[in-house]
Amino acid sequence: EGIGHYLDLYMLSLPLAAGVRNRIKMLERMLGDEIQKKQLPFVMNIGCGSCRELMGISPEVIDSEARIICIDNDNDALAYAQDRLDYAGILPQTVLRKYNVLRMFDDETNMVEFGKQDII
């Protein structure tokens, strides 16, 4: 109610908001397709934020028994993602890790830290 409602309506109608929604849908499709192609895939979500792209494909994640590592440097984002992944039923298949993604430039270190991944 009040002006906040109208501000939300306006902000959600902007092209940027539409772009974010379309990006999430595209990522859901791409990731869902790749997960279904593999047996027990290992997935790394770099700069995961709230993990919104995983919410829409939770049935595919569960069915594939995918193992997912979600990496972000923001504790609040990781806490929020944990709640959402738990609600979606995929938290048991997920590791949330606080890590500075800007330090992920060395392949050997990444292999030691995270192991081999099928989908990044």
N, C-alpha and C. Protein backbone atom coordinates (compact mmCIF):
# COMPACT_ATOMS: atom_id res chain seq x y z
N GLU A 1 0.84 -1.18 0.00
CA GLU A 1 0.00 0.00 0.00
C GLU A 1 0.88 1.24 0.00
N GLY A 2 0.32 2.34 -0.40
CA GLY A 2 1.04 3.60 -0.41
C GLY A 2 1.99 3.71 -1.59
N ILE A 3 2.94 4.62 -1.46
CA ILE A 3 3.85 4.91 -2.56
C ILE A 3 4.79 3.75 -2.88
N GLY A 4 5.12 2.94 -1.87
CA GLY A 4 6.00 1.79 -2.09
C GLY A 4 5.45 0.84 -3.14
N HIS A 5 4.14 0.63 -3.12
CA HIS A 5 3.50 -0.24 -4.10
C HIS A 5 3.72 0.30 -5.51
N TYR A 6 3.56 1.58 -5.69
CA TYR A 6 3.71 2.19 -7.01
C TYR A 6 5.18 2.21 -7.45
N LEU A 7 6.07 2.40 -6.50
CA LEU A 7 7.50 2.33 -6.83
C LEU A 7 7.88 0.92 -7.28
N ASP A 8 7.36 -0.09 -6.59
CA ASP A 8 7.61 -1.47 -7.00
C ASP A 8 7.08 -1.73 -8.41
N LEU A 9 5.86 -1.31 -8.68
CA LEU A 9 5.29 -1.50 -10.01
C LEU A 9 6.15 -0.85 -11.08
N TYR A 10 6.60 0.36 -10.80
CA TYR A 10 7.42 1.07 -11.77
C TYR A 10 8.76 0.36 -11.97
N MET A 11 9.43 0.03 -10.89
CA MET A 11 10.74 -0.61 -10.99
C MET A 11 10.66 -1.96 -11.70
N LEU A 12 9.62 -2.73 -11.42
CA LEU A 12 9.47 -4.03 -12.05
C LEU A 12 9.11 -3.95 -13.53
N SER A 13 8.67 -2.78 -13.98
CA SER A 13 8.33 -2.61 -15.39
C SER A 13 9.51 -2.13 -16.22
N LEU A 14 10.62 -1.79 -15.60
CA LEU A 14 11.79 -1.29 -16.32
C LEU A 14 12.45 -2.41 -17.14
N PRO A 15 13.09 -2.05 -18.25
CA PRO A 15 13.77 -3.07 -19.07
C PRO A 15 14.81 -3.87 -18.29
N LEU A 16 15.49 -3.24 -17.35
CA LEU A 16 16.49 -3.95 -16.56
C LEU A 16 15.84 -5.10 -15.77
N ALA A 17 14.69 -4.85 -15.18
CA ALA A 17 14.00 -5.89 -14.42
C ALA A 17 13.57 -7.03 -15.34
N ALA A 18 13.08 -6.68 -16.53
CA ALA A 18 12.70 -7.71 -17.50
C ALA A 18 13.92 -8.52 -17.92
N GLY A 19 15.05 -7.85 -18.09
CA GLY A 19 16.29 -8.53 -18.45
C GLY A 19 16.73 -9.52 -17.39
N VAL A 20 16.60 -9.14 -16.13
CA VAL A 20 16.97 -10.04 -15.03
C VAL A 20 16.06 -11.26 -15.03
N ARG A 21 14.76 -11.04 -15.19
CA ARG A 21 13.82 -12.17 -15.22
C ARG A 21 14.13 -13.10 -16.40
N ASN A 22 14.42 -12.52 -17.56
CA ASN A 22 14.73 -13.34 -18.74
C ASN A 22 16.04 -14.10 -18.57
N ARG A 23 17.02 -13.47 -17.93
CA ARG A 23 18.31 -14.13 -17.68
C ARG A 23 18.11 -15.34 -16.78
N ILE A 24 17.30 -15.20 -15.75
CA ILE A 24 17.05 -16.31 -14.83
C ILE A 24 16.36 -17.46 -15.58
N LYS A 25 15.36 -17.14 -16.40
CA LYS A 25 14.67 -18.18 -17.17
C LYS A 25 15.63 -18.90 -18.11
N MET A 26 16.50 -18.13 -18.78
CA MET A 26 17.46 -18.72 -19.70
C MET A 26 18.44 -19.63 -18.96
N LEU A 27 18.94 -19.17 -17.81
CA LEU A 27 19.85 -20.00 -17.02
C LEU A 27 19.17 -21.27 -16.53
N GLU A 28 17.91 -21.16 -16.12
CA GLU A 28 17.16 -22.35 -15.68
C GLU A 28 17.09 -23.37 -16.81
N ARG A 29 16.75 -22.91 -18.02
CA ARG A 29 16.64 -23.83 -19.17
C ARG A 29 17.99 -24.48 -19.49
N MET A 30 19.03 -23.65 -19.58
CA MET A 30 20.35 -24.17 -19.93
C MET A 30 20.86 -25.16 -18.88
N LEU A 31 20.77 -24.78 -17.63
CA LEU A 31 21.27 -25.62 -16.55
C LEU A 31 20.43 -26.89 -16.42
N GLY A 32 19.12 -26.76 -16.52
CA GLY A 32 18.24 -27.93 -16.46
C GLY A 32 18.56 -28.93 -17.56
N ASP A 33 18.78 -28.43 -18.78
CA ASP A 33 19.14 -29.31 -19.90
C ASP A 33 20.46 -30.03 -19.65
N GLU A 34 21.46 -29.31 -19.18
CA GLU A 34 22.77 -29.91 -18.94
C GLU A 34 22.73 -30.92 -17.80
N ILE A 35 22.00 -30.60 -16.74
CA ILE A 35 21.90 -31.51 -15.60
C ILE A 35 21.25 -32.83 -16.01
N GLN A 36 20.24 -32.76 -16.88
CA GLN A 36 19.54 -33.97 -17.29
C GLN A 36 20.38 -34.86 -18.20
N LYS A 37 21.42 -34.30 -18.82
CA LYS A 37 22.28 -35.07 -19.72
C LYS A 37 23.30 -35.92 -18.98
N LYS A 38 23.53 -35.64 -17.71
CA LYS A 38 24.62 -36.28 -16.98
C LYS A 38 24.09 -37.12 -15.82
N GLN A 39 24.87 -38.13 -15.46
CA GLN A 39 24.59 -38.93 -14.27
C GLN A 39 25.36 -38.32 -13.10
N LEU A 40 24.70 -38.01 -12.03
CA LEU A 40 25.33 -37.44 -10.83
C LEU A 40 26.27 -36.28 -11.17
N PRO A 41 25.77 -35.25 -11.83
CA PRO A 41 26.66 -34.15 -12.23
C PRO A 41 27.15 -33.33 -11.05
N PHE A 42 28.36 -32.82 -11.19
CA PHE A 42 28.93 -31.88 -10.24
C PHE A 42 28.80 -30.49 -10.86
N VAL A 43 28.16 -29.58 -10.12
CA VAL A 43 27.85 -28.25 -10.62
C VAL A 43 28.47 -27.21 -9.70
N MET A 44 29.11 -26.21 -10.29
CA MET A 44 29.66 -25.10 -9.52
C MET A 44 28.94 -23.83 -9.94
N ASN A 45 28.38 -23.14 -8.96
CA ASN A 45 27.67 -21.87 -9.19
C ASN A 45 28.54 -20.76 -8.61
N ILE A 46 29.27 -20.06 -9.48
CA ILE A 46 30.21 -19.03 -9.06
C ILE A 46 29.48 -17.70 -8.93
N GLY A 47 29.67 -17.02 -7.81
CA GLY A 47 28.96 -15.76 -7.57
C GLY A 47 27.47 -16.03 -7.49
N CYS A 48 27.09 -17.01 -6.69
CA CYS A 48 25.73 -17.57 -6.70
C CYS A 48 24.65 -16.61 -6.23
N GLY A 49 24.98 -15.65 -5.39
CA GLY A 49 23.95 -14.76 -4.87
C GLY A 49 22.87 -15.55 -4.17
N SER A 50 21.62 -15.33 -4.56
CA SER A 50 20.49 -16.01 -3.92
C SER A 50 20.15 -17.36 -4.54
N CYS A 51 20.89 -17.78 -5.56
CA CYS A 51 20.66 -19.06 -6.26
C CYS A 51 19.30 -19.14 -6.93
N ARG A 52 18.80 -18.03 -7.39
CA ARG A 52 17.46 -18.01 -7.99
C ARG A 52 17.33 -18.97 -9.17
N GLU A 53 18.40 -19.12 -9.94
CA GLU A 53 18.33 -19.99 -11.12
C GLU A 53 18.17 -21.46 -10.74
N LEU A 54 18.45 -21.82 -9.50
CA LEU A 54 18.28 -23.21 -9.06
C LEU A 54 16.85 -23.50 -8.59
N MET A 55 16.12 -22.49 -8.19
CA MET A 55 14.78 -22.70 -7.64
C MET A 55 13.83 -23.31 -8.67
N GLY A 56 13.87 -22.82 -9.89
CA GLY A 56 12.95 -23.30 -10.92
C GLY A 56 13.26 -24.68 -11.44
N ILE A 57 14.45 -25.17 -11.16
CA ILE A 57 14.83 -26.50 -11.66
C ILE A 57 15.09 -27.48 -10.52
N SER A 58 14.52 -27.21 -9.37
CA SER A 58 14.76 -28.11 -8.23
C SER A 58 14.34 -29.55 -8.52
N PRO A 59 13.25 -29.82 -9.27
CA PRO A 59 12.94 -31.24 -9.57
C PRO A 59 14.05 -31.92 -10.38
N GLU A 60 14.62 -31.20 -11.35
CA GLU A 60 15.71 -31.76 -12.15
C GLU A 60 16.95 -32.01 -11.30
N VAL A 61 17.23 -31.08 -10.39
CA VAL A 61 18.38 -31.23 -9.50
C VAL A 61 18.20 -32.47 -8.62
N ILE A 62 17.02 -32.62 -8.05
CA ILE A 62 16.74 -33.77 -7.18
C ILE A 62 16.82 -35.07 -7.97
N ASP A 63 16.16 -35.12 -9.14
CA ASP A 63 16.14 -36.34 -9.95
C ASP A 63 17.53 -36.76 -10.42
N SER A 64 18.36 -35.79 -10.76
CA SER A 64 19.70 -36.09 -11.28
C SER A 64 20.70 -36.41 -10.16
N GLU A 65 20.30 -36.13 -8.92
CA GLU A 65 21.18 -36.27 -7.77
C GLU A 65 22.45 -35.43 -7.93
N ALA A 66 22.29 -34.28 -8.57
CA ALA A 66 23.41 -33.37 -8.78
C ALA A 66 24.01 -32.93 -7.46
N ARG A 67 25.30 -32.71 -7.47
CA ARG A 67 26.02 -32.14 -6.34
C ARG A 67 26.42 -30.74 -6.74
N ILE A 68 26.02 -29.77 -5.94
CA ILE A 68 26.19 -28.37 -6.31
C ILE A 68 27.04 -27.65 -5.27
N ILE A 69 28.02 -26.90 -5.74
CA ILE A 69 28.79 -25.99 -4.88
C ILE A 69 28.39 -24.58 -5.27
N CYS A 70 27.87 -23.84 -4.31
CA CYS A 70 27.49 -22.44 -4.53
C CYS A 70 28.51 -21.56 -3.82
N ILE A 71 29.14 -20.68 -4.59
CA ILE A 71 30.23 -19.86 -4.06
C ILE A 71 29.85 -18.39 -4.14
N ASP A 72 30.01 -17.70 -3.03
CA ASP A 72 29.81 -16.25 -3.00
C ASP A 72 30.63 -15.69 -1.85
N ASN A 73 30.92 -14.42 -1.91
CA ASN A 73 31.70 -13.77 -0.85
C ASN A 73 30.79 -13.04 0.14
N ASP A 74 29.49 -13.06 -0.10
CA ASP A 74 28.52 -12.31 0.71
C ASP A 74 27.79 -13.27 1.66
N ASN A 75 28.04 -13.14 2.95
CA ASN A 75 27.40 -14.00 3.94
C ASN A 75 25.88 -13.90 3.91
N ASP A 76 25.35 -12.70 3.71
CA ASP A 76 23.90 -12.53 3.66
C ASP A 76 23.30 -13.26 2.47
N ALA A 77 23.97 -13.18 1.32
CA ALA A 77 23.49 -13.89 0.13
C ALA A 77 23.51 -15.39 0.36
N LEU A 78 24.56 -15.89 0.98
CA LEU A 78 24.65 -17.32 1.25
C LEU A 78 23.59 -17.77 2.25
N ALA A 79 23.32 -16.97 3.26
CA ALA A 79 22.27 -17.31 4.24
C ALA A 79 20.90 -17.34 3.57
N TYR A 80 20.64 -16.36 2.72
CA TYR A 80 19.37 -16.32 2.00
C TYR A 80 19.26 -17.52 1.05
N ALA A 81 20.34 -17.82 0.34
CA ALA A 81 20.35 -18.97 -0.56
C ALA A 81 20.10 -20.26 0.21
N GLN A 82 20.69 -20.38 1.39
CA GLN A 82 20.50 -21.58 2.21
C GLN A 82 19.02 -21.77 2.53
N ASP A 83 18.35 -20.71 2.93
CA ASP A 83 16.92 -20.81 3.24
C ASP A 83 16.12 -21.22 2.01
N ARG A 84 16.41 -20.62 0.86
CA ARG A 84 15.68 -20.92 -0.37
C ARG A 84 15.95 -22.35 -0.86
N LEU A 85 17.20 -22.77 -0.79
CA LEU A 85 17.55 -24.13 -1.22
C LEU A 85 16.93 -25.18 -0.31
N ASP A 86 16.85 -24.88 0.98
CA ASP A 86 16.20 -25.77 1.93
C ASP A 86 14.71 -25.88 1.60
N TYR A 87 14.08 -24.75 1.34
CA TYR A 87 12.65 -24.73 0.99
C TYR A 87 12.40 -25.53 -0.30
N ALA A 88 13.32 -25.43 -1.26
CA ALA A 88 13.16 -26.14 -2.54
C ALA A 88 13.52 -27.62 -2.44
N GLY A 89 14.11 -28.04 -1.32
CA GLY A 89 14.45 -29.44 -1.12
C GLY A 89 15.78 -29.87 -1.70
N ILE A 90 16.62 -28.92 -2.09
CA ILE A 90 17.90 -29.29 -2.69
C ILE A 90 19.10 -28.93 -1.82
N LEU A 91 18.85 -28.46 -0.62
CA LEU A 91 19.96 -28.13 0.28
C LEU A 91 20.84 -29.33 0.60
N PRO A 92 20.28 -30.55 0.79
CA PRO A 92 21.15 -31.70 1.08
C PRO A 92 22.16 -31.99 -0.04
N GLN A 93 21.88 -31.55 -1.25
CA GLN A 93 22.77 -31.79 -2.39
C GLN A 93 23.70 -30.61 -2.63
N THR A 94 23.67 -29.63 -1.74
CA THR A 94 24.36 -28.37 -1.99
C THR A 94 25.36 -28.05 -0.89
N VAL A 95 26.50 -27.53 -1.30
CA VAL A 95 27.49 -26.98 -0.38
C VAL A 95 27.55 -25.48 -0.65
N LEU A 96 27.35 -24.68 0.39
CA LEU A 96 27.46 -23.23 0.27
C LEU A 96 28.82 -22.83 0.82
N ARG A 97 29.56 -22.06 0.05
CA ARG A 97 30.93 -21.74 0.45
C ARG A 97 31.22 -20.27 0.27
N LYS A 98 31.70 -19.64 1.34
CA LYS A 98 32.15 -18.25 1.25
C LYS A 98 33.56 -18.27 0.68
N TYR A 99 33.73 -17.61 -0.45
CA TYR A 99 35.01 -17.60 -1.13
C TYR A 99 35.05 -16.40 -2.06
N ASN A 100 36.19 -15.76 -2.14
CA ASN A 100 36.35 -14.61 -3.03
C ASN A 100 36.59 -15.13 -4.44
N VAL A 101 35.58 -15.01 -5.31
CA VAL A 101 35.67 -15.57 -6.66
C VAL A 101 36.75 -14.89 -7.49
N LEU A 102 37.18 -13.71 -7.09
CA LEU A 102 38.25 -13.03 -7.83
C LEU A 102 39.59 -13.75 -7.64
N ARG A 103 39.65 -14.66 -6.69
CA ARG A 103 40.88 -15.44 -6.46
C ARG A 103 40.86 -16.77 -7.21
N MET A 104 39.88 -16.98 -8.04
CA MET A 104 39.75 -18.26 -8.74
C MET A 104 40.45 -18.24 -10.10
N PHE A 105 41.64 -17.72 -10.16
CA PHE A 105 42.36 -17.62 -11.43
C PHE A 105 43.35 -18.76 -11.66
N ASP A 106 43.60 -19.56 -10.65
CA ASP A 106 44.58 -20.64 -10.75
C ASP A 106 43.87 -21.99 -10.81
N ASP A 107 43.98 -22.67 -11.95
CA ASP A 107 43.28 -23.94 -12.15
C ASP A 107 43.69 -24.99 -11.12
N GLU A 108 44.97 -25.07 -10.80
CA GLU A 108 45.43 -26.08 -9.85
C GLU A 108 44.85 -25.85 -8.47
N THR A 109 44.83 -24.60 -8.03
CA THR A 109 44.24 -24.28 -6.73
C THR A 109 42.75 -24.59 -6.73
N ASN A 110 42.07 -24.27 -7.82
CA ASN A 110 40.64 -24.55 -7.91
C ASN A 110 40.36 -26.04 -7.84
N MET A 111 41.19 -26.85 -8.48
CA MET A 111 41.00 -28.30 -8.42
C MET A 111 41.17 -28.81 -6.99
N VAL A 112 42.14 -28.26 -6.27
CA VAL A 112 42.36 -28.67 -4.88
C VAL A 112 41.20 -28.21 -4.01
N GLU A 113 40.76 -26.97 -4.19
CA GLU A 113 39.70 -26.38 -3.37
C GLU A 113 38.33 -27.00 -3.64
N PHE A 114 38.02 -27.26 -4.92
CA PHE A 114 36.64 -27.61 -5.29
C PHE A 114 36.49 -28.93 -6.04
N GLY A 115 37.57 -29.48 -6.54
CA GLY A 115 37.47 -30.72 -7.31
C GLY A 115 37.00 -30.48 -8.73
N LYS A 116 36.93 -31.56 -9.49
CA LYS A 116 36.50 -31.48 -10.89
C LYS A 116 35.00 -31.24 -10.95
N GLN A 117 34.60 -30.34 -11.82
CA GLN A 117 33.18 -30.00 -11.99
C GLN A 117 32.74 -30.33 -13.41
N ASP A 118 31.50 -30.78 -13.55
CA ASP A 118 30.93 -31.05 -14.87
C ASP A 118 30.33 -29.81 -15.51
N ILE A 119 29.74 -28.97 -14.68
CA ILE A 119 29.05 -27.77 -15.16
C ILE A 119 29.46 -26.60 -14.28
N ILE A 120 29.89 -25.52 -14.91
CA ILE A 120 30.26 -24.32 -14.16
C ILE A 120 29.42 -23.17 -14.69
